[in-house]
C-alpha atoms as a PDB file:
ATOM      1  CA  MET A   1       0.000   0.000   0.000  1.00  0.00           C
ATOM      2  CA  SER A   2       2.789   2.307   0.720  1.00  0.00           C
ATOM      3  CA  ASP A   3       4.310   1.836  -2.743  1.00  0.00           C
ATOM      4  CA  ILE A   4       1.066   2.466  -4.529  1.00  0.00           C
ATOM      5  CA  GLU A   5       0.457   5.546  -2.524  1.00  0.00           C
ATOM      6  CA  GLN A   6       3.913   6.790  -3.341  1.00  0.00           C
ATOM      7  CA  VAL A   7       3.308   6.299  -7.040  1.00  0.00           C
ATOM      8  CA  ASP A   8      -0.009   8.128  -6.885  1.00  0.00           C
ATOM      9  CA  GLU A   9       1.482  10.960  -5.017  1.00  0.00           C
ATOM     10  CA  GLY A  10       4.220  11.405  -7.691  1.00  0.00           C
ATOM     11  CA  SER A  11       1.827  11.587 -10.695  1.00  0.00           C
ATOM     12  CA  PRO A  12       0.965  15.307 -10.440  1.00  0.00           C
ATOM     13  CA  PRO A  13       4.480  16.447 -11.352  1.00  0.00           C
ATOM     14  CA  ALA A  14       4.323  14.381 -14.568  1.00  0.00           C
ATOM     15  CA  GLU A  15       1.052  15.990 -15.610  1.00  0.00           C
ATOM     16  CA  ASP A  16       2.539  19.468 -15.081  1.00  0.00           C
ATOM     17  CA  GLY A  17       5.420  18.635 -17.402  1.00  0.00           C
ATOM     18  CA  ASN A  18       3.107  17.475 -20.126  1.00  0.00           C
ATOM     19  CA  ARG A  19       1.070  20.656 -19.826  1.00  0.00           C
ATOM     20  CA  LYS A  20       4.188  22.773 -20.247  1.00  0.00           C
ATOM     21  CA  LEU A  21       5.184  20.804 -23.325  1.00  0.00           C
ATOM     22  CA  TRP A  22       1.796  21.423 -24.920  1.00  0.00           C
ATOM     23  CA  ILE A  23       1.940  25.163 -24.214  1.00  0.00           C
ATOM     24  CA  GLY A  24       5.448  25.436 -25.605  1.00  0.00           C
ATOM     25  CA  GLY A  25       4.454  23.628 -28.765  1.00  0.00           C
ATOM     26  CA  GLY A  26       1.521  25.968 -29.271  1.00  0.00           C
ATOM     27  CA  VAL A  27       3.725  29.043 -28.933  1.00  0.00           C
ATOM     28  CA  LEU A  28       6.172  27.635 -31.445  1.00  0.00           C
ATOM     29  CA  ALA A  29       3.363  26.957 -33.916  1.00  0.00           C
ATOM     30  CA  VAL A  30       2.034  30.511 -33.647  1.00  0.00           C
ATOM     31  CA  ALA A  31       5.540  31.916 -34.117  1.00  0.00           C
ATOM     32  CA  ALA A  32       6.021  29.762 -37.216  1.00  0.00           C
ATOM     33  CA  ALA A  33       2.725  30.967 -38.692  1.00  0.00           C
ATOM     34  CA  ILE A  34       3.662  34.609 -38.178  1.00  0.00           C
ATOM     35  CA  ALA A  35       7.058  34.034 -39.752  1.00  0.00           C
ATOM     36  CA  GLY A  36       5.392  32.423 -42.786  1.00  0.00           C
ATOM     37  CA  VAL A  37       3.075  35.381 -43.287  1.00  0.00           C
ATOM     38  CA  VAL A  38       5.933  37.859 -43.076  1.00  0.00           C
ATOM     39  CA  TYR A  39       7.991  35.850 -45.537  1.00  0.00           C
ATOM     40  CA  ALA A  40       5.089  35.628 -47.974  1.00  0.00           C
ATOM     41  CA  ASN A  41       4.579  39.411 -47.976  1.00  0.00           C
ATOM     42  CA  SER A  42       8.269  40.253 -48.111  1.00  0.00           C
ATOM     43  CA  GLY A  43       8.184  40.375 -51.956  1.00  0.00           C
ATOM     44  CA  ASP A  44       5.467  43.093 -52.029  1.00  0.00           C
ATOM     45  CA  THR A  45       6.760  45.231 -49.189  1.00  0.00           C
ATOM     46  CA  GLN A  46       9.653  47.638 -49.822  1.00  0.00           C
ATOM     47  CA  TRP A  47      11.470  48.894 -46.835  1.00  0.00           C
ATOM     48  CA  SER A  48      13.095  52.331 -47.141  1.00  0.00           C
ATOM     49  CA  ASP A  49      16.102  53.518 -45.291  1.00  0.00           C
ATOM     50  CA  ASN A  50      17.048  57.056 -44.245  1.00  0.00           C
ATOM     51  CA  ALA A  51      19.255  57.612 -47.321  1.00  0.00           C
ATOM     52  CA  THR A  52      16.425  56.810 -49.730  1.00  0.00           C
ATOM     53  CA  VAL A  53      14.025  59.148 -47.924  1.00  0.00           C
ATOM     54  CA  ALA A  54      16.581  61.946 -47.946  1.00  0.00           C
ATOM     55  CA  SER A  55      17.181  61.456 -51.700  1.00  0.00           C
ATOM     56  CA  ALA A  56      13.460  61.659 -52.402  1.00  0.00           C
ATOM     57  CA  GLU A  57      13.124  64.827 -50.339  1.00  0.00           C
ATOM     58  CA  GLN A  58      16.070  66.408 -52.183  1.00  0.00           C
ATOM     59  CA  ALA A  59      14.535  65.448 -55.553  1.00  0.00           C
ATOM     60  CA  GLU A  60      11.211  67.030 -54.580  1.00  0.00           C
ATOM     61  CA  LEU A  61      13.000  70.193 -53.423  1.00  0.00           C
ATOM     62  CA  ALA A  62      14.982  70.380 -56.658  1.00  0.00           C
ATOM     63  CA  ALA A  63      11.816  69.905 -58.692  1.00  0.00           C
ATOM     64  CA  GLY A  64      10.149  72.688 -56.753  1.00  0.00           C
ATOM     65  CA  GLU A  65      13.074  75.052 -57.315  1.00  0.00           C
ATOM     66  CA  GLY A  66      13.230  74.130 -60.992  1.00  0.00           C
ATOM     67  CA  GLY A  67       9.508  74.796 -61.332  1.00  0.00           C
ATOM     68  CA  GLU A  68       9.945  78.296 -59.964  1.00  0.00           C
ATOM     69  CA  VAL A  69      12.816  79.057 -62.344  1.00  0.00           C
ATOM     70  CA  ALA A  70      10.987  77.661 -65.377  1.00  0.00           C
ATOM     71  CA  ALA A  71       7.773  79.546 -64.599  1.00  0.00           C
ATOM     72  CA  GLU A  72       6.147  81.078 -67.643  1.00  0.00           C
ATOM     73  CA  PRO A  73       6.729  84.836 -68.018  1.00  0.00           C
ATOM     74  CA  GLU A  74       3.856  87.163 -67.415  1.00  0.00           C
ATOM     75  CA  PRO A  75       2.049  88.286 -70.584  1.00  0.00           C
ATOM     76  CA  GLU A  76       3.008  91.692 -71.896  1.00  0.00           C
ATOM     77  CA  PRO A  77       0.460  94.448 -71.208  1.00  0.00           C
ATOM     78  CA  VAL A  78      -1.889  95.257 -74.058  1.00  0.00           C
ATOM     79  CA  LEU A  79      -1.650  98.902 -75.134  1.00  0.00           C
ATOM     80  CA  GLU A  80      -5.084 100.031 -76.279  1.00  0.00           C
ATOM     81  CA  ALA A  81      -6.570 103.443 -77.028  1.00  0.00           C
ATOM     82  CA  ARG A  82      -9.981 104.625 -78.133  1.00  0.00           C
ATOM     83  CA  GLY A  83     -10.472 106.706 -81.267  1.00  0.00           C
ATOM     84  CA  VAL A  84     -12.859 107.821 -83.995  1.00  0.00           C
ATOM     85  CA  ILE A  85     -12.695 107.954 -87.763  1.00  0.00           C
ATOM     86  CA  ALA A  86     -12.770 111.474 -89.175  1.00  0.00           C
ATOM     87  CA  ALA A  87     -12.459 113.119 -92.558  1.00  0.00           C
ATOM     88  CA  LYS A  88      -9.244 114.979 -93.263  1.00  0.00           C
ATOM     89  CA  ASN A  89     -11.174 117.858 -94.852  1.00  0.00           C
ATOM     90  CA  GLU A  90     -14.439 119.122 -93.405  1.00  0.00           C
ATOM     91  CA  SER A  91     -16.147 122.450 -93.979  1.00  0.00           C
ATOM     92  CA  THR A  92     -19.423 124.313 -93.542  1.00  0.00           C
ATOM     93  CA  VAL A  93     -20.501 126.159 -96.673  1.00  0.00           C
ATOM     94  CA  ALA A  94     -22.120 129.519 -95.871  1.00  0.00           C
ATOM     95  CA  SER A  95     -23.729 132.324 -97.816  1.00  0.00           C
ATOM     96  CA  ARG A  96     -21.758 135.520 -98.350  1.00  0.00           C
ATOM     97  CA  MET A  97     -24.789 137.599 -99.324  1.00  0.00           C
ATOM     98  CA  THR A  98     -28.456 138.042 -98.527  1.00  0.00           C
ATOM     99  CA  ALA A  99     -30.423 136.495-101.371  1.00  0.00           C
ATOM    100  CA  ARG A 100     -32.899 133.784-102.253  1.00  0.00           C
ATOM    101  CA  ILE A 101     -31.507 130.302-102.930  1.00  0.00           C
ATOM    102  CA  THR A 102     -32.408 129.190-106.440  1.00  0.00           C
ATOM    103  CA  SER A 103     -30.465 125.933-106.727  1.00  0.00           C
ATOM    104  CA  MET A 104     -28.876 123.312-104.447  1.00  0.00           C
ATOM    105  CA  PRO A 105     -28.244 120.271-106.667  1.00  0.00           C
ATOM    106  CA  TYR A 106     -26.540 118.022-104.111  1.00  0.00           C
ATOM    107  CA  ARG A 107     -28.628 116.481-101.382  1.00  0.00           C
ATOM    108  CA  GLU A 108     -27.444 114.850 -98.183  1.00  0.00           C
ATOM    109  CA  GLY A 109     -25.270 111.794 -98.803  1.00  0.00           C
ATOM    110  CA  ARG A 110     -24.435 112.666-102.424  1.00  0.00           C
ATOM    111  CA  SER A 111     -20.856 112.976-103.580  1.00  0.00           C
ATOM    112  CA  PHE A 112     -19.394 115.764-105.693  1.00  0.00           C
ATOM    113  CA  GLY A 113     -16.109 116.715-107.296  1.00  0.00           C
ATOM    114  CA  LYS A 114     -13.838 119.643-106.643  1.00  0.00           C
ATOM    115  CA  GLY A 115     -15.250 122.860-108.124  1.00  0.00           C
ATOM    116  CA  ALA A 116     -18.830 121.527-108.366  1.00  0.00           C
ATOM    117  CA  LEU A 117     -21.695 124.023-107.958  1.00  0.00           C
ATOM    118  CA  LEU A 118     -23.169 123.589-104.473  1.00  0.00           C
ATOM    119  CA  ALA A 119     -25.598 126.541-104.311  1.00  0.00           C
ATOM    120  CA  ARG A 120     -26.785 129.411-106.471  1.00  0.00           C
ATOM    121  CA  PHE A 121     -28.660 132.592-105.448  1.00  0.00           C
ATOM    122  CA  ASP A 122     -31.031 135.005-107.151  1.00  0.00           C
ATOM    123  CA  CYS A 123     -28.744 137.897-108.068  1.00  0.00           C
ATOM    124  CA  SER A 124     -30.900 139.796-110.575  1.00  0.00           C
ATOM    125  CA  THR A 125     -30.643 142.988-108.510  1.00  0.00           C
ATOM    126  CA  ILE A 126     -26.879 142.793-108.325  1.00  0.00           C
ATOM    127  CA  GLN A 127     -26.699 142.090-112.044  1.00  0.00           C
ATOM    128  CA  ALA A 128     -28.721 145.251-112.736  1.00  0.00           C
ATOM    129  CA  GLU A 129     -26.391 147.262-110.492  1.00  0.00           C
ATOM    130  CA  LEU A 130     -23.433 145.898-112.387  1.00  0.00           C
ATOM    131  CA  ASN A 131     -24.942 146.893-115.726  1.00  0.00           C
ATOM    132  CA  ALA A 132     -25.537 150.419-114.449  1.00  0.00           C
ATOM    133  CA  ALA A 133     -21.984 150.665-113.140  1.00  0.00           C
ATOM    134  CA  ARG A 134     -20.554 149.530-116.439  1.00  0.00           C
ATOM    135  CA  ALA A 135     -22.673 152.064-118.346  1.00  0.00           C
ATOM    136  CA  ALA A 136     -21.464 154.859-116.044  1.00  0.00           C
ATOM    137  CA  THR A 137     -17.899 153.699-116.580  1.00  0.00           C
ATOM    138  CA  ALA A 138     -18.356 153.854-120.322  1.00  0.00           C
ATOM    139  CA  ALA A 139     -19.770 157.422-120.094  1.00  0.00           C
ATOM    140  CA  TYR A 140     -16.879 158.646-117.924  1.00  0.00           C
ATOM    141  CA  GLN A 141     -14.468 156.949-120.272  1.00  0.00           C
ATOM    142  CA  LYS A 142     -15.891 158.899-123.217  1.00  0.00           C
ATOM    143  CA  THR A 143     -15.768 162.190-121.291  1.00  0.00           C
ATOM    144  CA  TYR A 144     -12.182 161.637-120.319  1.00  0.00           C
ATOM    145  CA  GLU A 145     -11.095 160.809-123.887  1.00  0.00           C
ATOM    146  CA  THR A 146     -12.838 163.946-125.179  1.00  0.00           C
ATOM    147  CA  ASN A 147     -11.132 166.172-122.606  1.00  0.00           C
ATOM    148  CA  VAL A 148      -7.787 164.684-123.442  1.00  0.00           C
ATOM    149  CA  GLU A 149      -8.317 165.454-127.120  1.00  0.00           C
ATOM    150  CA  LEU A 150      -9.459 169.021-126.392  1.00  0.00           C
ATOM    151  CA  ASP A 151      -6.477 169.487-124.132  1.00  0.00           C
ATOM    152  CA  SER A 152      -4.234 168.706-127.067  1.00  0.00           C
ATOM    153  CA  TYR A 153      -5.692 171.791-128.805  1.00  0.00           C
ATOM    154  CA  GLU A 154      -5.576 173.786-125.585  1.00  0.00           C
ATOM    155  CA  ALA A 155      -9.360 174.075-125.742  1.00  0.00           C
ATOM    156  CA  VAL A 156      -9.976 172.844-122.212  1.00  0.00           C
ATOM    157  CA  GLY A 157      -8.322 173.435-118.948  1.00  0.00           C
ATOM    158  CA  LYS A 158      -6.045 171.015-117.183  1.00  0.00           C
ATOM    159  CA  ASN A 159      -8.401 170.852-114.226  1.00  0.00           C
ATOM    160  CA  GLU A 160     -11.262 169.478-116.309  1.00  0.00           C
ATOM    161  CA  VAL A 161      -9.032 166.724-117.676  1.00  0.00           C
ATOM    162  CA  ALA A 162      -8.026 165.693-114.153  1.00  0.00           C
ATOM    163  CA  VAL A 163     -11.628 165.671-112.924  1.00  0.00           C
ATOM    164  CA  SER A 164     -12.792 163.534-115.837  1.00  0.00           C
ATOM    165  CA  ARG A 165      -9.954 161.105-115.176  1.00  0.00           C
ATOM    166  CA  ALA A 166     -10.949 160.839-111.485  1.00  0.00           C
ATOM    167  CA  ASN A 167     -14.602 160.252-112.359  1.00  0.00           C
ATOM    168  CA  LEU A 168     -13.597 157.454-114.690  1.00  0.00           C
ATOM    169  CA  GLY A 169     -11.559 155.792-111.937  1.00  0.00           C
ATOM    170  CA  ARG A 170     -14.434 155.990-109.482  1.00  0.00           C
ATOM    171  CA  ALA A 171     -16.866 154.450-111.987  1.00  0.00           C
ATOM    172  CA  GLN A 172     -14.470 151.601-112.680  1.00  0.00           C
ATOM    173  CA  ALA A 173     -14.067 150.915-108.936  1.00  0.00           C
ATOM    174  CA  GLU A 174     -17.814 150.790-108.414  1.00  0.00           C
ATOM    175  CA  ALA A 175     -18.217 148.401-111.320  1.00  0.00           C
ATOM    176  CA  ASN A 176     -15.520 146.121-109.867  1.00  0.00           C
ATOM    177  CA  ALA A 177     -17.237 146.115-106.466  1.00  0.00           C
ATOM    178  CA  VAL A 178     -20.558 145.092-107.947  1.00  0.00           C
ATOM    179  CA  SER A 179     -18.843 142.444-110.044  1.00  0.00           C
ATOM    180  CA  ALA A 180     -17.265 140.989-106.880  1.00  0.00           C
ATOM    181  CA  GLN A 181     -20.679 140.724-105.271  1.00  0.00           C
ATOM    182  CA  LEU A 182     -21.965 138.978-108.343  1.00  0.00           C
ATOM    183  CA  ARG A 183     -19.273 136.281-107.968  1.00  0.00           C
ATOM    184  CA  ASP A 184     -20.756 135.413-104.571  1.00  0.00           C
ATOM    185  CA  CYS A 185     -24.014 134.422-106.238  1.00  0.00           C
ATOM    186  CA  ALA A 186     -22.658 130.892-106.688  1.00  0.00           C
ATOM    187  CA  VAL A 187     -20.881 128.643-104.165  1.00  0.00           C
ATOM    188  CA  TYR A 188     -18.433 126.042-105.486  1.00  0.00           C
ATOM    189  CA  ALA A 189     -16.918 123.020-103.719  1.00  0.00           C
ATOM    190  CA  PRO A 190     -13.389 123.638-102.356  1.00  0.00           C
ATOM    191  CA  PHE A 191     -12.602 119.909-102.491  1.00  0.00           C
ATOM    192  CA  ALA A 192     -14.141 116.632-103.588  1.00  0.00           C
ATOM    193  CA  GLY A 193     -16.341 115.068-100.958  1.00  0.00           C
ATOM    194  CA  THR A 194     -19.839 114.290 -99.719  1.00  0.00           C
ATOM    195  CA  VAL A 195     -22.703 116.346 -98.349  1.00  0.00           C
ATOM    196  CA  VAL A 196     -23.106 115.452 -94.675  1.00  0.00           C
ATOM    197  CA  GLU A 197     -25.960 117.773 -93.749  1.00  0.00           C
ATOM    198  CA  GLU A 198     -28.359 120.152 -95.507  1.00  0.00           C
ATOM    199  CA  ILE A 199     -28.842 123.205 -93.309  1.00  0.00           C
ATOM    200  CA  ALA A 200     -30.775 125.336 -95.796  1.00  0.00           C
ATOM    201  CA  SER A 201     -33.130 124.463 -98.636  1.00  0.00           C
ATOM    202  CA  ARG A 202     -33.898 125.797-102.095  1.00  0.00           C
ATOM    203  CA  GLY A 203     -36.314 128.717-102.096  1.00  0.00           C
ATOM    204  CA  GLU A 204     -35.238 130.082 -98.712  1.00  0.00           C
ATOM    205  CA  VAL A 205     -33.769 133.562 -98.310  1.00  0.00           C
ATOM    206  CA  ALA A 206     -30.302 133.115 -96.872  1.00  0.00           C
ATOM    207  CA  ALA A 207     -28.736 135.870 -94.807  1.00  0.00           C
ATOM    208  CA  SER A 208     -25.113 136.821 -95.140  1.00  0.00           C
ATOM    209  CA  GLY A 209     -23.021 134.307 -93.194  1.00  0.00           C
ATOM    210  CA  GLN A 210     -25.816 131.755 -92.841  1.00  0.00           C
ATOM    211  CA  PRO A 211     -24.632 128.089 -93.090  1.00  0.00           C
ATOM    212  CA  LEU A 212     -25.971 126.206 -96.084  1.00  0.00           C
ATOM    213  CA  LEU A 213     -24.294 122.782 -96.205  1.00  0.00           C
ATOM    214  CA  ARG A 214     -21.833 120.754 -94.166  1.00  0.00           C
ATOM    215  CA  ILE A 215     -19.447 118.820 -96.357  1.00  0.00           C
ATOM    216  CA  GLN A 216     -16.466 116.565 -95.822  1.00  0.00           C
ATOM    217  CA  SER A 217     -13.975 114.696 -97.942  1.00  0.00           C
ATOM    218  CA  GLY A 218     -15.196 111.166 -98.561  1.00  0.00           C
ATOM    219  CA  GLY A 219     -12.027 109.361 -99.611  1.00  0.00           C
ATOM    220  CA  ASP A 220      -9.384 110.853 -97.335  1.00  0.00           C
ATOM    221  CA  LEU A 221     -10.010 109.510 -93.837  1.00  0.00           C
ATOM    222  CA  GLU A 222      -7.909 109.475 -90.694  1.00  0.00           C
ATOM    223  CA  ALA A 223      -8.140 108.260 -87.111  1.00  0.00           C
ATOM    224  CA  ASP A 224      -8.147 110.597 -84.110  1.00  0.00           C
ATOM    225  CA  LEU A 225      -6.931 108.770 -80.995  1.00  0.00           C
ATOM    226  CA  ILE A 226      -6.710 109.705 -77.321  1.00  0.00           C
ATOM    227  CA  VAL A 227      -3.692 108.046 -75.666  1.00  0.00           C
ATOM    228  CA  PRO A 228      -2.053 108.364 -72.211  1.00  0.00           C
ATOM    229  CA  SER A 229       0.584 111.063 -72.058  1.00  0.00           C
ATOM    230  CA  ASN A 230       3.196 108.637 -70.655  1.00  0.00           C
ATOM    231  CA  TRP A 231       3.191 106.900 -74.057  1.00  0.00           C
ATOM    232  CA  LEU A 232       5.260 109.809 -75.334  1.00  0.00           C
ATOM    233  CA  THR A 233       8.355 108.004 -74.019  1.00  0.00           C
ATOM    234  CA  TRP A 234       8.112 105.552 -76.921  1.00  0.00           C
ATOM    235  CA  LEU A 235       5.257 106.594 -79.249  1.00  0.00           C
ATOM    236  CA  GLN A 236       6.529 108.465 -82.317  1.00  0.00           C
ATOM    237  CA  PRO A 237       5.192 109.247 -85.832  1.00  0.00           C
ATOM    238  CA  GLY A 238       5.460 106.111 -87.909  1.00  0.00           C
ATOM    239  CA  ALA A 239       4.213 103.752 -85.177  1.00  0.00           C
ATOM    240  CA  LYS A 240       1.800 101.144 -86.544  1.00  0.00           C
ATOM    241  CA  PHE A 241      -1.355  99.849 -84.910  1.00  0.00           C
ATOM    242  CA  ASP A 242      -4.455  97.727 -85.535  1.00  0.00           C
ATOM    243  CA  PHE A 243      -7.868  99.392 -85.342  1.00  0.00           C
ATOM    244  CA  VAL A 244     -11.044  97.385 -84.726  1.00  0.00           C
ATOM    245  CA  ILE A 245     -14.261  99.235 -85.643  1.00  0.00           C
ATOM    246  CA  ASP A 246     -17.089  98.909 -83.140  1.00  0.00           C
ATOM    247  CA  GLU A 247     -19.927  99.244 -85.649  1.00  0.00           C
ATOM    248  CA  THR A 248     -18.808  96.527 -88.091  1.00  0.00           C
ATOM    249  CA  GLY A 249     -16.136  94.558 -86.219  1.00  0.00           C
ATOM    250  CA  ALA A 250     -13.765  95.020 -89.159  1.00  0.00           C
ATOM    251  CA  SER A 251     -10.038  95.312 -88.474  1.00  0.00           C
ATOM    252  CA  ILE A 252      -7.923  97.867 -90.344  1.00  0.00           C
ATOM    253  CA  THR A 253      -4.380  99.137 -89.949  1.00  0.00           C
ATOM    254  CA  GLY A 254      -3.036 102.624 -89.304  1.00  0.00           C
ATOM    255  CA  VAL A 255       0.172 104.620 -88.977  1.00  0.00           C
ATOM    256  CA  VAL A 256       0.673 107.544 -86.603  1.00  0.00           C
ATOM    257  CA  THR A 257       1.335 110.771 -88.531  1.00  0.00           C
ATOM    258  CA  ARG A 258       1.295 113.507 -85.895  1.00  0.00           C
ATOM    259  CA  LEU A 259       1.259 114.084 -82.158  1.00  0.00           C
ATOM    260  CA  GLY A 260      -0.834 116.632 -80.330  1.00  0.00           C
ATOM    261  CA  ALA A 261       0.600 120.005 -79.397  1.00  0.00           C
ATOM    262  CA  SER A 262      -0.368 119.817 -75.712  1.00  0.00           C
ATOM    263  CA  VAL A 263      -1.283 117.361 -72.951  1.00  0.00           C
ATOM    264  CA  ASP A 264      -4.571 117.527 -71.071  1.00  0.00           C
ATOM    265  CA  PRO A 265      -3.454 118.177 -67.479  1.00  0.00           C
ATOM    266  CA  VAL A 266      -6.643 116.677 -65.985  1.00  0.00           C
ATOM    267  CA  SER A 267      -6.903 113.364 -67.831  1.00  0.00           C
ATOM    268  CA  LYS A 268      -3.153 113.057 -68.579  1.00  0.00           C
ATOM    269  CA  THR A 269      -3.912 112.265 -72.218  1.00  0.00           C
ATOM    270  CA  ILE A 270      -2.848 113.578 -75.601  1.00  0.00           C
ATOM    271  CA  ARG A 271      -4.547 113.534 -79.006  1.00  0.00           C
ATOM    272  CA  ILE A 272      -2.766 111.975 -81.976  1.00  0.00           C
ATOM    273  CA  GLY A 273      -3.645 111.650 -85.663  1.00  0.00           C
ATOM    274  CA  ALA A 274      -3.020 108.698 -87.958  1.00  0.00           C
ATOM    275  CA  ASN A 275      -3.567 107.628 -91.527  1.00  0.00           C
ATOM    276  CA  ILE A 276      -5.612 104.469 -92.006  1.00  0.00           C
ATOM    277  CA  ASP A 277      -5.688 101.777 -94.663  1.00  0.00           C
ATOM    278  CA  ARG A 278      -9.309 100.662 -94.831  1.00  0.00           C
ATOM    279  CA  GLY A 279      -8.823  98.125 -97.613  1.00  0.00           C
ATOM    280  CA  ASP A 280     -12.170  96.578 -98.538  1.00  0.00           C
ATOM    281  CA  ALA A 281     -13.808  97.343 -95.179  1.00  0.00           C
ATOM    282  CA  LEU A 282     -16.728  99.747 -94.866  1.00  0.00           C
ATOM    283  CA  VAL A 283     -15.325 102.778 -93.048  1.00  0.00           C
ATOM    284  CA  LEU A 284     -17.300 105.987 -92.600  1.00  0.00           C
ATOM    285  CA  PRO A 285     -16.501 109.185 -90.728  1.00  0.00           C
ATOM    286  CA  GLY A 286     -17.841 109.104 -87.191  1.00  0.00           C
ATOM    287  CA  MET A 287     -17.205 105.391 -86.604  1.00  0.00           C
ATOM    288  CA  SER A 288     -15.383 104.590 -83.378  1.00  0.00           C
ATOM    289  CA  GLY A 289     -13.105 101.747 -82.359  1.00  0.00           C
ATOM    290  CA  THR A 290     -10.100 100.523 -80.394  1.00  0.00           C
ATOM    291  CA  ALA A 291      -6.487 100.825 -81.509  1.00  0.00           C
ATOM    292  CA  THR A 292      -3.932  98.258 -80.301  1.00  0.00           C
ATOM    293  CA  PHE A 293      -0.246  99.185 -80.234  1.00  0.00           C
ATOM    294  CA  GLU A 294       2.900  97.150 -79.643  1.00  0.00           C
ATOM    295  CA  GLU A 295       5.362  98.855 -77.313  1.00  0.00           C
ATOM    296  CA  PRO A 296       9.004  98.369 -78.404  1.00  0.00           C
ATOM    297  CA  SER A 297      10.727  96.046 -75.942  1.00  0.00           C
ATOM    298  CA  GLU A 298      13.997  97.951 -75.884  1.00  0.00           C
ATOM    299  CA  ALA A 299      15.451 100.874 -77.762  1.00  0.00           C
ATOM    300  CA  PRO A 300      18.494 100.126 -80.002  1.00  0.00           C
ATOM    301  CA  ALA A 301      20.705 102.542 -78.076  1.00  0.00           C
ATOM    302  CA  GLU A 302      19.761 100.979 -74.749  1.00  0.00           C
ATOM    303  CA  ALA A 303      20.370  97.491 -76.113  1.00  0.00           C
ATOM    304  CA  GLU A 304      23.789  98.498 -77.401  1.00  0.00           C
ATOM    305  CA  ALA A 305      24.681 100.083 -74.079  1.00  0.00           C
ATOM    306  CA  ALA A 306      23.534  96.963 -72.250  1.00  0.00           C
ATOM    307  CA  GLY A 307      25.693  94.814 -74.550  1.00  0.00           C
ATOM    308  CA  GLU A 308      28.737  96.975 -73.890  1.00  0.00           C
ATOM    309  CA  GLY A 309      28.079  96.755 -70.153  1.00  0.00           C
ATOM    310  CA  GLU A 310      27.866  92.970 -70.291  1.00  0.00           C
ATOM    311  CA  GLY A 311      31.081  92.799 -72.337  1.00  0.00           C
ATOM    312  CA  ALA A 312      32.909  94.959 -69.806  1.00  0.00           C
ATOM    313  CA  ALA A 313      31.609  92.809 -66.938  1.00  0.00           C
ATOM    314  CA  ASP A 314      32.794  89.645 -68.703  1.00  0.00           C
ATOM    315  CA  SER A 315      36.225  91.193 -69.271  1.00  0.00           C
ATOM    316  CA  GLU A 316      36.512  92.152 -65.609  1.00  0.00           C
ATOM    317  CA  ALA A 317      35.451  88.677 -64.509  1.00  0.00           C
ATOM    318  CA  SER A 318      37.984  87.074 -66.873  1.00  0.00           C
ATOM    319  CA  GLY A 319      40.750  89.345 -65.578  1.00  0.00           C
ATOM    320  CA  ALA A 320      39.872  88.517 -61.978  1.00  0.00           C
ATOM    321  CA  ALA A 321      39.960  84.794 -62.743  1.00  0.00           C
ATOM    322  CA  THR A 322      43.389  85.127 -64.410  1.00  0.00           C
ATOM    323  CA  GLU A 323      44.826  87.007 -61.450  1.00  0.00           C
ATOM    324  CA  GLY A 324      43.476  84.381 -59.032  1.00  0.00           C
ATOM    325  CA  ALA A 325      44.986  81.586 -61.097  1.00  0.00           C
ATOM    326  CA  GLU A 326      48.411  83.286 -61.166  1.00  0.00           C
ATOM    327  CA  ALA A 327      48.294  83.780 -57.392  1.00  0.00           C
ATOM    328  CA  ASP A 328      47.604  80.049 -56.900  1.00  0.00           C
ATOM    329  CA  GLY A 329      50.391  79.105 -59.312  1.00  0.00           C
ATOM    330  CA  SER A 330      48.027  77.333 -61.690  1.00  0.00           C
ATOM    331  CA  GLN A 331      47.307  77.930 -65.373  1.00  0.00           C
ATOM    332  CA  PRO A 332      43.975  79.669 -66.143  1.00  0.00           C
ATOM    333  CA  SER A 333      41.584  77.393 -67.951  1.00  0.00           C
END
């Protein structure tokens, strides 16, 4: 009985050892499973070290700096100015006498040539005065000739000859004055153009100085532009521009011909004139539009001076490099 009891009492330590073996085996199995998973994923996972991360950061920084250097330049400012199309020659035809208008052959919108008859007046009264003045001149002429002949025979005094000569001169002057008034009975065109406006009509009695027609040259057109006064630093006669007409959308070209004589101190602008080449586009006086200029990037003199400055700087840099090389005892490259 004692032996059996001893055996039974020693069995618990054996069971504890088996339990420990089972626990240790389970831990080993779990560790093996984890190792297998890590090994299986090792082909897809890339481990980075500090050097690789630093290289990537430097590459990103370099790309950022390069992007700033290679940034696109800002677009150049567009130089625009407003303007209108105008006729080079424009005039208002007026009456130089008080008379009734008998003829006005050209209506509004019609074209005419230089020297064409624009208006004619009823000058029958002036014509009668001219006939009377010419008759008086002829009578004084006959009196003077007679006195001269009598004076050759000493049959008339010298005073009578002088008086007859003076009367003849006065009659001739009066006839010339009436003839000058008669020339004002017709108004002729000073240039070829178009009638813009009819101010008076046929049959009316026009007073002296009253406007009759407003005319302008139809073929010779120009552009009047208002530009900022600070453009005078580069804008000169001969500058070219494109002009887009508001009414039709057509684009024509122009060349600056003259600059204004003064600057508006309030708006800081100046008026300029330019010839235009309308081509086949419909261009009429009074149309407005926008002119676009191209500002010269750099004047030739400034560019030449800049080139000389760069050459001098290169020479100084080369000389400094040569002196440094001689001081070090090495040959300059």
